Amino acid sequence: MGVSCCKMGRFAKAALLLLCCLLTALPLFALAGCSDDGEENGQVILSYLEQEPESLDPQVAQDTSAKLVITNLFEGLTRLDASGQAQPGAAESWTASADNTSFTFHLRSDARWPVWEDDEGQEVDAPVTAADFVFGLRRALDPATNSPEAQTLYCIKNARQVNEGTLPVEELGVRAEGDYTLVIELEYAYEQFPTLMAQTVAMPCNEAFFRFTGGQYGLETNCVLGNGPFSIAAYGWEHEEYINLTVNSRYQGQQQVVPAGVEFTIGEAPQDTAGALASGQLDVASLPGDQLAKAQQEGLNLTSFEDTTWGLCFNTQTSPFNNRNVRLGLIQSLDRDYVLQALPDNCTPGEDIVLPQATLLGQSYRDQAGGGFYLKQDDNAKALLQQGLTEAGLDRLNLTVLCLDSSGFKQMATHMLEVWNRELGYYFNLEAVSLSELEQRIRSGDYEAVIAPLQAQQDGPLEVLSLFESSSSENPASLQDAAYDGLLAAASFSDGAQMLQAAVSAEQYLNTNGIFYPLCYEKRYFATAPNVTGVVFYPYDGGIDFRTATKTAA
């Protein structure tokens, strides 16, 4: 019986890697494993991952690093172009019913999975079929999978009931009609549904290979079987160090794969990211906002997305900030114009929690919902604060505001403290920390008030509003509120008009109850080296498509 590398430990793999390199007389260095053939043709793209992917299982992956790799290892029914529009992927075409509640996808008949070897030592050479997408979507919504992205698919008929365990997975509105035709029924009209099928949670899964991995699917090199433009190179995944991709020779797509591979180091980006891109140490990277001027000076190619809302948020699980009047008193005493005189780099004033460019069922959410829901300054703010303190049994208020350790955010927070001192007579404290510590402190609830970032992983108002759901691990207010959860449930399981109404109610709820006070919107930048073109960047989850990346001699 053959031995699966899915079940092979790291030390055994490391020994094989050493043997490979000794036999081929190649130097044991850098990130390319045992072969640097790709580097000789100048087409290996160098990038990095901020953290070790928790799993490369598309149905359970949640972190940005994992999604970035999965986007290049797998091919969904569709792929997105640079403008976010659906393009043919594993499906070469599709049709919609007249009312956009049913979609029929026609798969490529020449696409095949990479060959793999089963426990009997037999090679398995299988086509990519509609059944692989049925199995993948059922896995995503099966409550046993515990997919963090399952709610993304609630537009599919019976998806919510399946995910909640009240219907079997076989009742999901997805069926194969032959090997290469997939029909998906929806709960409501959704004209832009094909764009959703490019998300990682909707990727196909080969059931035989999934069973073969014995619970290790997505955790090791040989426990990953993707149908996308790249595969993990032999010995190309050294945990916490690097992941190296090479071209998948079995890939059939709308566009030919240009680079020979992609090499990701794992860990924080160089302190001077712009310099690393200019010197050739990196080809593609996320760019800190404070390096924008240098990036422009070095001639880097830049792409930006306004995808983050920053705002004042209180820990609703601590006293007295669990008191609504305390929160309202603090927020409504703010002189907004003065506070926003000190905007951080790459930020613009933001009046709403949900970003201006968010869409709902293919239409602008803001155009449908209106905006400007934030709490306005009120002369009764001091009295409200005092009423809340009395209700909490306190005479005075002590408060430390947590913020990002950058000059712009510290100055904005300082303006806030100055207003509170002037209007309320209180001297509050400021604590500035790194982004990683800020995020960790929010997750652990170790703060009283924080200027927090809201960054959705996908387009749509529910993506950011669901961050405040009671079950959310990223809940910036530690909010536990059944009424708010009910609004989200209504929004995610209804037709377009009801969804809009529930989403608006949820956004207004966060504002009127002083849960989150929006301050500004931030642009996030991505950059490529001057000699690198053809890379496609996606907003929200930071996805990058390397298929058409071209690297010329510097």
Protein backbone atom coordinates (compact mmCIF):
# COMPACT_ATOMS: atom_id res chain seq x y z
CA MET A 1 0.00 0.00 0.00
CA GLY A 2 1.32 3.45 -0.91
CA VAL A 3 2.11 6.05 1.72
CA SER A 4 0.38 9.40 1.46
CA CYS A 5 2.41 12.56 2.07
CA CYS A 6 -0.79 13.86 3.61
CA LYS A 7 0.09 11.67 6.55
CA MET A 8 3.84 12.34 6.47
CA GLY A 9 5.31 14.51 9.25
CA ARG A 10 7.36 17.64 8.72
CA PHE A 11 10.65 15.99 9.71
CA ALA A 12 10.19 13.23 7.16
CA LYS A 13 9.48 15.75 4.45
CA ALA A 14 12.49 17.80 5.47
CA ALA A 15 14.68 14.71 5.09
CA LEU A 16 13.31 14.09 1.61
CA LEU A 17 13.95 17.71 0.71
CA LEU A 18 17.58 17.44 1.84
CA LEU A 19 18.07 14.21 -0.12
CA CYS A 20 16.56 15.80 -3.23
CA CYS A 21 18.91 18.74 -3.04
CA LEU A 22 22.00 16.59 -2.42
CA LEU A 23 21.22 14.31 -5.33
CA THR A 24 20.76 17.16 -7.73
CA ALA A 25 23.83 19.01 -6.43
CA LEU A 26 21.86 22.18 -5.97
CA PRO A 27 22.57 24.63 -3.15
CA LEU A 28 20.26 24.40 -0.17
CA PHE A 29 19.16 28.00 0.06
CA ALA A 30 16.45 30.50 -0.63
CA LEU A 31 12.83 29.64 -1.19
CA ALA A 32 12.79 27.64 -4.38
CA GLY A 33 13.15 24.18 -2.82
CA CYS A 34 15.23 21.93 -5.04
CA SER A 35 14.88 23.64 -8.38
CA ASP A 36 15.50 27.10 -9.68
CA ASP A 37 14.59 26.34 -13.28
CA GLY A 38 11.82 28.92 -13.17
CA GLU A 39 14.24 31.65 -12.14
CA GLU A 40 16.35 31.02 -15.25
CA ASN A 41 13.54 32.14 -17.53
CA GLY A 42 12.91 35.25 -15.44
CA GLN A 43 9.26 34.41 -14.86
CA VAL A 44 9.12 33.37 -11.19
CA ILE A 45 7.11 36.01 -9.31
CA LEU A 46 8.30 36.80 -5.78
CA SER A 47 5.76 37.79 -3.14
CA TYR A 48 4.97 37.09 0.51
CA LEU A 49 2.23 35.96 2.87
CA GLU A 50 1.73 37.82 6.14
CA GLN A 51 1.06 34.59 8.02
CA GLU A 52 1.09 30.83 7.66
CA PRO A 53 -2.21 29.77 6.04
CA GLU A 54 -4.35 27.98 8.59
CA SER A 55 -5.58 25.65 5.85
CA LEU A 56 -5.66 25.51 2.06
CA ASP A 57 -9.08 23.87 2.17
CA PRO A 58 -11.25 26.33 0.20
CA GLN A 59 -14.39 25.46 2.13
CA VAL A 60 -12.90 26.37 5.52
CA ALA A 61 -10.17 28.91 4.72
CA GLN A 62 -10.77 32.30 6.28
CA ASP A 63 -7.43 34.11 6.60
CA THR A 64 -6.19 36.37 3.81
CA SER A 65 -2.99 34.40 3.24
CA ALA A 66 -4.89 31.16 2.65
CA LYS A 67 -7.36 32.79 0.29
CA LEU A 68 -4.56 34.36 -1.74
CA VAL A 69 -2.93 30.97 -2.32
CA ILE A 70 -6.24 29.19 -2.94
CA THR A 71 -7.18 31.74 -5.62
CA ASN A 72 -4.18 30.51 -7.61
CA LEU A 73 -4.43 26.79 -6.79
CA PHE A 74 -8.12 26.45 -7.66
CA GLU A 75 -10.52 27.56 -10.37
CA GLY A 76 -14.12 28.39 -9.52
CA LEU A 77 -16.98 28.32 -11.94
CA THR A 78 -15.98 31.90 -12.68
CA ARG A 79 -12.98 34.19 -12.20
CA LEU A 80 -13.08 37.93 -11.66
CA ASP A 81 -11.38 40.43 -13.93
CA ALA A 82 -9.67 43.60 -12.69
CA SER A 83 -13.02 45.40 -12.49
CA GLY A 84 -14.63 42.64 -10.42
CA GLN A 85 -16.80 41.24 -13.22
CA ALA A 86 -17.32 37.51 -13.66
CA GLN A 87 -15.35 35.86 -16.46
CA PRO A 88 -15.34 32.20 -17.55
CA GLY A 89 -13.46 29.92 -15.17
CA ALA A 90 -14.11 26.20 -14.90
CA ALA A 91 -17.40 27.07 -16.60
CA GLU A 92 -16.86 28.29 -20.14
CA SER A 93 -20.38 29.79 -20.25
CA TRP A 94 -23.59 30.12 -18.26
CA THR A 95 -27.20 31.13 -18.68
CA ALA A 96 -29.76 32.58 -16.27
CA SER A 97 -33.49 32.11 -16.03
CA ALA A 98 -35.66 35.08 -16.95
CA ASP A 99 -36.12 36.02 -13.28
CA ASN A 100 -32.43 35.39 -12.33
CA THR A 101 -33.35 32.74 -9.76
CA SER A 102 -31.69 29.84 -11.59
CA PHE A 103 -28.28 29.61 -13.25
CA THR A 104 -26.97 26.87 -15.51
CA PHE A 105 -23.19 26.60 -15.83
CA HIS A 106 -21.56 24.71 -18.72
CA LEU A 107 -18.16 23.34 -17.65
CA ARG A 108 -15.11 22.86 -19.84
CA SER A 109 -14.91 19.25 -20.94
CA ASP A 110 -11.10 19.25 -21.20
CA ALA A 111 -10.27 20.29 -17.62
CA ARG A 112 -8.69 17.58 -15.46
CA TRP A 113 -7.43 17.28 -11.91
CA PRO A 114 -3.70 16.65 -11.38
CA VAL A 115 -2.90 12.93 -11.29
CA TRP A 116 -2.63 11.54 -7.75
CA GLU A 117 -1.89 8.16 -6.26
CA ASP A 118 -4.38 6.40 -3.98
CA ASP A 119 -3.69 4.06 -1.03
CA GLU A 120 -3.39 1.12 -3.42
CA GLY A 121 -0.64 2.84 -5.37
CA GLN A 122 -2.95 3.35 -8.33
CA GLU A 123 -2.82 6.61 -10.28
CA VAL A 124 -6.09 8.51 -10.38
CA ASP A 125 -6.64 10.66 -13.47
CA ALA A 126 -10.03 12.36 -13.26
CA PRO A 127 -11.84 15.13 -15.13
CA VAL A 128 -13.19 18.20 -13.35
CA THR A 129 -16.96 17.66 -13.38
CA ALA A 130 -20.17 19.23 -12.13
CA ALA A 131 -20.20 16.65 -9.34
CA ASP A 132 -17.01 18.22 -7.93
CA PHE A 133 -18.83 21.54 -7.59
CA VAL A 134 -21.89 19.89 -6.06
CA PHE A 135 -19.68 18.21 -3.47
CA GLY A 136 -17.73 21.40 -2.75
CA LEU A 137 -20.86 23.52 -2.24
CA ARG A 138 -22.49 20.85 -0.10
CA ARG A 139 -19.33 20.66 2.03
CA ALA A 140 -19.35 24.43 2.45
CA LEU A 141 -22.90 24.38 3.82
CA ASP A 142 -22.77 21.11 5.74
CA PRO A 143 -22.84 22.11 9.44
CA ALA A 144 -20.21 19.43 10.11
CA THR A 145 -17.71 21.43 8.02
CA ASN A 146 -18.23 24.54 10.18
CA SER A 147 -17.29 26.79 7.26
CA PRO A 148 -16.78 30.40 8.40
CA GLU A 149 -17.90 31.55 4.93
CA ALA A 150 -21.11 29.48 4.74
CA GLN A 151 -23.41 32.49 5.07
CA THR A 152 -21.93 33.89 1.86
CA LEU A 153 -23.85 31.15 0.05
CA TYR A 154 -27.24 31.64 1.72
CA CYS A 155 -28.67 32.95 -1.55
CA ILE A 156 -28.67 29.33 -2.80
CA LYS A 157 -32.00 27.56 -2.32
CA ASN A 158 -32.25 25.84 1.09
CA ALA A 159 -28.69 26.86 1.99
CA ARG A 160 -29.57 28.37 5.35
CA GLN A 161 -31.66 25.37 6.43
CA VAL A 162 -28.90 22.99 5.36
CA ASN A 163 -26.29 25.00 7.25
CA GLU A 164 -28.48 25.08 10.37
CA GLY A 165 -29.04 21.33 10.16
CA THR A 166 -32.79 21.42 9.54
CA LEU A 167 -32.45 20.00 6.01
CA PRO A 168 -30.03 17.37 4.66
CA VAL A 169 -27.26 18.54 2.31
CA GLU A 170 -28.97 16.70 -0.54
CA GLU A 171 -31.74 19.34 -0.39
CA LEU A 172 -29.33 22.14 -1.32
CA GLY A 173 -30.41 23.80 -4.57
CA VAL A 174 -27.43 22.50 -6.56
CA ARG A 175 -27.48 19.59 -9.00
CA ALA A 176 -25.36 18.08 -11.76
CA GLU A 177 -27.03 17.31 -15.07
CA GLY A 178 -24.45 15.03 -16.61
CA ASP A 179 -20.72 15.52 -16.17
CA TYR A 180 -20.42 19.08 -17.45
CA THR A 181 -23.66 20.88 -16.63
CA LEU A 182 -24.34 22.39 -13.19
CA VAL A 183 -27.68 23.95 -12.20
CA ILE A 184 -27.94 26.22 -9.14
CA GLU A 185 -31.34 27.37 -7.86
CA LEU A 186 -31.54 30.54 -5.73
CA GLU A 187 -33.80 31.79 -2.96
CA TYR A 188 -34.33 35.10 -4.74
CA ALA A 189 -33.37 36.99 -7.88
CA TYR A 190 -29.63 37.70 -7.96
CA GLU A 191 -28.41 38.88 -11.34
CA GLN A 192 -24.78 39.13 -10.23
CA PHE A 193 -24.70 35.60 -8.78
CA PRO A 194 -21.88 34.41 -11.13
CA THR A 195 -19.47 36.81 -9.39
CA LEU A 196 -20.12 34.95 -6.12
CA MET A 197 -18.97 31.71 -7.72
CA ALA A 198 -15.42 33.09 -7.93
CA GLN A 199 -15.12 33.14 -4.12
CA THR A 200 -12.84 30.56 -2.51
CA VAL A 201 -15.69 28.93 -0.56
CA ALA A 202 -17.35 27.98 -3.88
CA MET A 203 -14.33 26.11 -5.31
CA PRO A 204 -14.72 22.48 -6.44
CA CYS A 205 -13.66 19.53 -4.32
CA ASN A 206 -12.78 16.09 -5.68
CA GLU A 207 -14.68 13.80 -3.32
CA ALA A 208 -12.43 10.75 -3.81
CA PHE A 209 -9.30 12.76 -3.02
CA PHE A 210 -10.98 14.45 -0.06
CA ARG A 211 -11.87 11.04 1.43
CA PHE A 212 -8.34 9.77 0.72
CA THR A 213 -6.71 12.54 2.78
CA GLY A 214 -8.28 11.20 5.96
CA GLY A 215 -9.02 14.51 7.64
CA GLN A 216 -5.80 16.23 6.48
CA TYR A 217 -7.31 17.93 3.42
CA GLY A 218 -5.63 21.29 2.82
CA LEU A 219 -3.03 20.89 5.55
CA GLU A 220 -0.01 19.52 3.68
CA THR A 221 1.35 19.71 0.12
CA ASN A 222 0.09 16.32 -1.01
CA CYS A 223 -3.24 16.89 0.69
CA VAL A 224 -4.07 19.70 -1.72
CA LEU A 225 -5.59 18.94 -5.12
CA GLY A 226 -6.45 22.05 -7.10
CA ASN A 227 -7.80 22.57 -10.59
CA GLY A 228 -6.34 26.07 -10.94
CA PRO A 229 -3.43 27.60 -12.85
CA PHE A 230 -0.79 26.62 -10.29
CA SER A 231 0.10 23.68 -8.07
CA ILE A 232 2.34 23.54 -5.02
CA ALA A 233 5.85 22.60 -6.17
CA ALA A 234 7.46 19.38 -4.97
CA TYR A 235 8.59 20.05 -1.38
CA GLY A 236 7.30 23.58 -1.97
CA TRP A 237 5.50 24.13 1.34
CA GLU A 238 7.71 24.55 4.38
CA HIS A 239 5.42 25.68 7.17
CA GLU A 240 6.10 29.14 8.58
CA GLU A 241 8.82 29.67 5.92
CA TYR A 242 7.58 29.52 2.32
CA ILE A 243 5.07 28.23 -0.23
CA ASN A 244 6.27 27.84 -3.82
CA LEU A 245 3.86 27.38 -6.70
CA THR A 246 4.58 26.01 -10.15
CA VAL A 247 2.41 25.91 -13.28
CA ASN A 248 -0.32 23.26 -13.25
CA SER A 249 0.20 21.50 -16.59
CA ARG A 250 -3.36 20.16 -16.46
CA TYR A 251 -4.97 23.58 -16.21
CA GLN A 252 -7.44 24.58 -18.88
CA GLY A 253 -8.67 28.14 -18.65
CA GLN A 254 -9.67 31.16 -20.65
CA GLN A 255 -6.14 32.56 -20.45
CA GLN A 256 -2.76 30.90 -20.74
CA VAL A 257 -0.62 30.97 -17.60
CA VAL A 258 2.35 33.28 -18.14
CA PRO A 259 4.76 32.96 -15.18
CA ALA A 260 6.67 29.78 -14.43
CA GLY A 261 5.70 30.01 -10.79
CA VAL A 262 5.10 32.12 -7.71
CA GLU A 263 7.23 32.03 -4.57
CA PHE A 264 5.79 33.27 -1.28
CA THR A 265 7.89 33.87 1.78
CA ILE A 266 5.85 33.61 4.97
CA GLY A 267 6.13 36.38 7.54
CA GLU A 268 5.97 40.12 7.86
CA ALA A 269 6.85 42.23 4.85
CA PRO A 270 10.22 44.00 4.77
CA GLN A 271 10.19 47.25 6.70
CA ASP A 272 11.08 49.03 3.47
CA THR A 273 8.59 47.33 1.15
CA ALA A 274 8.96 49.94 -1.58
CA GLY A 275 12.74 49.48 -1.55
CA ALA A 276 12.40 45.69 -1.73
CA LEU A 277 10.15 46.02 -4.78
CA ALA A 278 12.48 48.50 -6.47
CA SER A 279 15.55 46.30 -5.87
CA GLY A 280 13.97 43.04 -7.08
CA GLN A 281 13.76 41.33 -3.67
CA LEU A 282 9.99 41.33 -4.18
CA ASP A 283 7.85 41.57 -7.30
CA VAL A 284 4.37 41.97 -5.76
CA ALA A 285 3.38 43.27 -2.33
CA SER A 286 0.86 45.13 -0.23
CA LEU A 287 2.22 48.64 0.30
CA PRO A 288 1.99 50.57 3.59
CA GLY A 289 0.41 53.98 3.05
CA ASP A 290 3.39 55.84 4.47
CA GLN A 291 5.57 54.41 1.66
CA LEU A 292 3.39 55.75 -1.15
CA ALA A 293 5.67 58.70 -1.98
CA LYS A 294 8.74 56.47 -2.18
CA ALA A 295 6.84 53.95 -4.32
CA GLN A 296 5.94 56.67 -6.80
CA GLN A 297 9.53 57.91 -6.79
CA GLU A 298 10.80 54.39 -7.55
CA GLY A 299 8.36 54.00 -10.47
CA LEU A 300 6.39 51.13 -8.91
CA ASN A 301 3.07 50.13 -10.47
CA LEU A 302 0.30 50.95 -7.98
CA THR A 303 -3.25 49.70 -7.45
CA SER A 304 -5.50 50.96 -4.66
CA PHE A 305 -8.86 50.08 -3.11
CA GLU A 306 -10.86 52.05 -0.56
CA ASP A 307 -11.87 49.04 1.52
CA THR A 308 -11.60 49.97 5.20
CA THR A 309 -13.82 52.05 7.50
CA TRP A 310 -12.18 53.39 10.68
CA GLY A 311 -14.34 54.52 13.57
CA LEU A 312 -14.70 54.92 17.32
CA CYS A 313 -15.93 51.78 19.01
CA PHE A 314 -16.63 50.96 22.66
CA ASN A 315 -16.30 47.63 24.44
CA THR A 316 -19.95 46.93 25.18
CA GLN A 317 -19.04 44.15 27.60
CA THR A 318 -17.35 46.47 30.10
CA SER A 319 -18.90 48.98 32.48
CA PRO A 320 -19.86 51.77 31.97
CA PHE A 321 -19.60 51.35 28.18
CA ASN A 322 -22.35 48.78 28.22
CA ASN A 323 -24.60 51.74 29.02
CA ARG A 324 -26.12 53.33 25.92
CA ASN A 325 -26.31 56.83 27.42
CA VAL A 326 -22.60 56.79 28.28
CA ARG A 327 -21.75 55.90 24.68
CA LEU A 328 -24.14 58.48 23.24
CA GLY A 329 -22.87 61.19 25.57
CA LEU A 330 -19.28 60.64 24.48
CA ILE A 331 -20.05 60.42 20.76
CA GLN A 332 -22.52 63.31 20.60
CA SER A 333 -20.15 65.66 22.40
CA LEU A 334 -17.63 65.35 19.54
CA ASP A 335 -16.89 68.28 17.26
CA ARG A 336 -16.60 66.16 14.12
CA ASP A 337 -15.00 68.83 11.95
CA TYR A 338 -12.23 69.42 14.49
CA VAL A 339 -11.59 65.71 15.04
CA LEU A 340 -11.29 65.10 11.29
CA GLN A 341 -8.90 67.97 10.71
CA ALA A 342 -6.19 65.40 11.44
CA LEU A 343 -6.91 62.68 8.89
CA PRO A 344 -4.41 59.80 8.64
CA ASP A 345 -2.54 59.22 5.38
CA ASN A 346 -4.64 57.79 2.54
CA CYS A 347 -7.89 58.46 4.42
CA THR A 348 -10.95 60.55 3.56
CA PRO A 349 -13.81 61.56 5.89
CA GLY A 350 -16.39 58.79 6.16
CA GLU A 351 -19.99 59.27 7.23
CA ASP A 352 -21.17 55.67 7.10
CA ILE A 353 -20.18 52.27 8.40
CA VAL A 354 -20.69 50.57 5.03
CA LEU A 355 -18.34 51.86 2.34
CA PRO A 356 -19.73 54.08 -0.47
CA GLN A 357 -18.89 51.59 -3.24
CA ALA A 358 -20.59 48.58 -1.59
CA THR A 359 -23.21 46.87 -3.71
CA LEU A 360 -26.30 44.85 -2.84
CA LEU A 361 -27.46 42.34 -5.45
CA GLY A 362 -25.53 44.17 -8.12
CA GLN A 363 -26.77 47.68 -7.30
CA SER A 364 -25.16 50.47 -5.26
CA TYR A 365 -26.11 49.94 -1.62
CA ARG A 366 -25.68 53.61 -0.72
CA ASP A 367 -27.93 54.74 -3.59
CA GLN A 368 -30.63 52.41 -2.28
CA ALA A 369 -30.09 52.93 1.44
CA GLY A 370 -29.19 56.59 1.73
CA GLY A 371 -26.47 57.57 4.16
CA GLY A 372 -25.16 59.92 6.80
CA PHE A 373 -26.51 57.75 9.63
CA TYR A 374 -23.76 58.75 12.09
CA LEU A 375 -24.76 60.44 15.36
CA LYS A 376 -24.64 64.23 15.15
CA GLN A 377 -23.24 66.57 17.80
CA ASP A 378 -25.86 67.38 20.46
CA ASP A 379 -25.96 70.07 23.18
CA ASN A 380 -27.50 67.51 25.56
CA ALA A 381 -24.49 65.17 25.29
CA LYS A 382 -23.03 66.08 28.69
CA ALA A 383 -26.37 65.49 30.41
CA LEU A 384 -26.70 62.12 28.62
CA LEU A 385 -23.25 61.10 29.80
CA GLN A 386 -24.04 62.08 33.38
CA GLN A 387 -27.32 60.17 33.25
CA GLY A 388 -25.49 57.08 32.03
CA LEU A 389 -22.85 57.34 34.73
CA THR A 390 -25.55 57.64 37.38
CA GLU A 391 -27.26 54.54 35.97
CA ALA A 392 -23.90 52.75 36.17
CA GLY A 393 -23.37 53.90 39.77
CA LEU A 394 -20.34 56.09 38.96
CA ASP A 395 -19.46 59.66 39.78
CA ARG A 396 -16.71 60.07 37.21
CA LEU A 397 -15.44 58.40 34.07
CA ASN A 398 -12.01 56.98 33.39
CA LEU A 399 -11.21 56.11 29.79
CA THR A 400 -8.22 55.02 27.70
CA VAL A 401 -8.60 55.18 23.93
CA LEU A 402 -6.65 52.61 21.93
CA CYS A 403 -5.45 53.65 18.48
CA LEU A 404 -2.99 52.77 15.73
CA ASP A 405 0.58 53.89 16.31
CA SER A 406 0.86 56.23 13.35
CA SER A 407 1.10 60.01 13.36
CA GLY A 408 -2.25 60.52 11.59
CA PHE A 409 -4.26 58.24 13.86
CA LYS A 410 -2.59 59.55 17.01
CA GLN A 411 -3.32 63.13 15.99
CA MET A 412 -6.97 62.32 15.22
CA ALA A 413 -7.32 60.58 18.59
CA THR A 414 -5.64 63.52 20.33
CA HIS A 415 -8.18 65.90 18.80
CA MET A 416 -10.91 63.64 20.15
CA LEU A 417 -9.47 63.79 23.66
CA GLU A 418 -9.17 67.56 23.43
CA VAL A 419 -12.86 67.87 22.55
CA TRP A 420 -13.88 65.66 25.45
CA ASN A 421 -11.79 67.74 27.80
CA ARG A 422 -13.30 70.97 26.51
CA GLU A 423 -16.92 69.80 26.32
CA LEU A 424 -17.10 67.36 29.22
CA GLY A 425 -14.27 68.39 31.52
CA TYR A 426 -12.59 64.98 31.46
CA TYR A 427 -8.94 64.16 30.83
CA PHE A 428 -8.72 60.80 29.11
CA ASN A 429 -5.71 58.67 28.14
CA LEU A 430 -4.38 57.58 24.75
CA GLU A 431 -2.54 54.32 24.02
CA ALA A 432 -0.99 53.82 20.56
CA VAL A 433 -0.06 50.29 19.42
CA SER A 434 0.96 48.43 16.25
CA LEU A 435 -1.70 47.12 13.88
CA SER A 436 -1.13 43.51 14.94
CA GLU A 437 -1.51 44.42 18.62
CA LEU A 438 -4.56 46.57 17.89
CA GLU A 439 -6.25 43.63 16.16
CA GLN A 440 -5.24 41.24 18.95
CA ARG A 441 -6.53 43.58 21.67
CA ILE A 442 -9.86 43.95 19.86
CA ARG A 443 -10.23 40.17 19.49
CA SER A 444 -9.46 39.59 23.17
CA GLY A 445 -11.65 42.49 24.38
CA ASP A 446 -8.67 44.15 26.06
CA TYR A 447 -9.75 47.78 25.59
CA GLU A 448 -12.35 50.32 26.71
CA ALA A 449 -12.61 52.38 23.54
CA VAL A 450 -10.74 51.94 20.27
CA ILE A 451 -10.41 53.58 16.88
CA ALA A 452 -10.99 50.33 15.03
CA PRO A 453 -10.80 49.23 11.39
CA LEU A 454 -13.71 47.49 9.68
CA GLN A 455 -12.56 45.57 6.64
CA ALA A 456 -15.00 43.26 4.91
CA GLN A 457 -13.71 40.15 3.17
CA GLN A 458 -16.19 40.55 0.33
CA ASP A 459 -18.42 43.15 -1.27
CA GLY A 460 -21.83 43.95 0.21
CA PRO A 461 -23.24 45.60 3.35
CA LEU A 462 -23.80 42.34 5.20
CA GLU A 463 -20.12 41.48 5.01
CA VAL A 464 -19.16 44.40 7.26
CA LEU A 465 -22.35 44.48 9.34
CA SER A 466 -21.91 40.80 10.23
CA LEU A 467 -18.65 41.66 11.98
CA PHE A 468 -20.84 42.83 14.88
CA GLU A 469 -22.83 39.60 15.09
CA SER A 470 -22.72 37.93 18.52
CA SER A 471 -20.89 34.89 17.13
CA SER A 472 -18.26 36.91 15.24
CA SER A 473 -14.67 36.40 16.42
CA GLU A 474 -13.79 39.76 14.85
CA ASN A 475 -16.53 41.69 16.70
CA PRO A 476 -14.93 45.11 17.34
CA ALA A 477 -17.49 46.09 20.02
CA SER A 478 -17.78 42.66 21.68
CA LEU A 479 -21.47 43.17 20.95
CA GLN A 480 -23.85 40.47 22.19
CA ASP A 481 -27.28 41.55 21.05
CA ALA A 482 -30.08 39.20 19.99
CA ALA A 483 -32.03 42.07 18.41
CA TYR A 484 -29.12 42.96 16.16
CA ASP A 485 -28.53 39.30 15.30
CA GLY A 486 -32.18 39.10 14.27
CA LEU A 487 -31.74 41.96 11.82
CA LEU A 488 -28.77 40.19 10.22
CA ALA A 489 -30.72 36.96 9.99
CA ALA A 490 -33.58 38.78 8.27
CA ALA A 491 -31.15 40.42 5.86
CA SER A 492 -29.40 37.22 4.87
CA PHE A 493 -32.53 35.16 4.27
CA SER A 494 -34.98 37.26 2.29
CA ASP A 495 -35.63 38.76 -1.11
CA GLY A 496 -33.96 41.93 -2.36
CA ALA A 497 -36.38 44.49 -0.87
CA GLN A 498 -36.50 42.83 2.55
CA MET A 499 -32.73 42.34 2.52
CA LEU A 500 -32.19 46.04 1.87
CA GLN A 501 -34.59 47.08 4.60
CA ALA A 502 -32.98 44.75 7.14
CA ALA A 503 -29.44 45.85 6.18
CA VAL A 504 -30.37 49.53 6.55
CA SER A 505 -31.97 48.81 9.92
CA ALA A 506 -28.82 46.99 11.08
CA GLU A 507 -26.53 49.82 9.98
CA GLN A 508 -28.74 52.43 11.65
CA TYR A 509 -28.87 50.30 14.81
CA LEU A 510 -25.09 50.40 15.15
CA ASN A 511 -25.12 54.17 14.74
CA THR A 512 -28.09 55.14 16.89
CA ASN A 513 -26.99 52.91 19.76
CA GLY A 514 -23.47 54.32 19.79
CA ILE A 515 -21.89 50.97 18.90
CA PHE A 516 -19.66 52.33 16.11
CA TYR A 517 -19.06 55.94 15.11
CA PRO A 518 -17.58 56.11 11.57
CA LEU A 519 -14.69 58.54 11.10
CA CYS A 520 -12.87 57.89 7.84
CA TYR A 521 -12.33 55.56 4.89
CA GLU A 522 -8.85 54.25 4.10
CA LYS A 523 -7.31 53.24 0.80
CA ARG A 524 -5.18 50.12 0.71
CA TYR A 525 -2.33 49.99 -1.82
CA PHE A 526 -0.75 47.13 -3.74
CA ALA A 527 2.41 47.52 -5.77
CA THR A 528 4.43 45.63 -8.33
CA ALA A 529 8.05 46.16 -9.32
CA PRO A 530 8.57 48.41 -12.36
CA ASN A 531 9.33 45.39 -14.56
CA VAL A 532 6.25 43.39 -13.49
CA THR A 533 2.86 43.78 -15.17
CA GLY A 534 -0.32 41.77 -15.68
CA VAL A 535 -1.05 41.07 -12.00
CA VAL A 536 -4.76 41.34 -11.10
CA PHE A 537 -5.63 42.57 -7.60
CA TYR A 538 -8.99 42.16 -5.90
CA PRO A 539 -10.42 44.39 -3.16
CA TYR A 540 -11.68 43.32 0.28
CA ASP A 541 -9.89 40.02 0.91
CA GLY A 542 -6.64 41.05 -0.79
CA GLY A 543 -6.81 38.36 -3.44
CA ILE A 544 -4.18 38.41 -6.19
CA ASP A 545 -4.41 36.55 -9.51
CA PHE A 546 -0.94 35.77 -10.91
CA ARG A 547 -2.01 33.95 -14.09
CA THR A 548 -1.00 36.71 -16.49
CA ALA A 549 1.86 38.22 -14.47
CA THR A 550 4.74 39.17 -16.76
CA LYS A 551 8.26 39.82 -15.50
CA THR A 552 10.87 41.28 -17.82
CA ALA A 553 14.58 41.78 -17.25
CA ALA A 554 15.17 44.70 -14.91
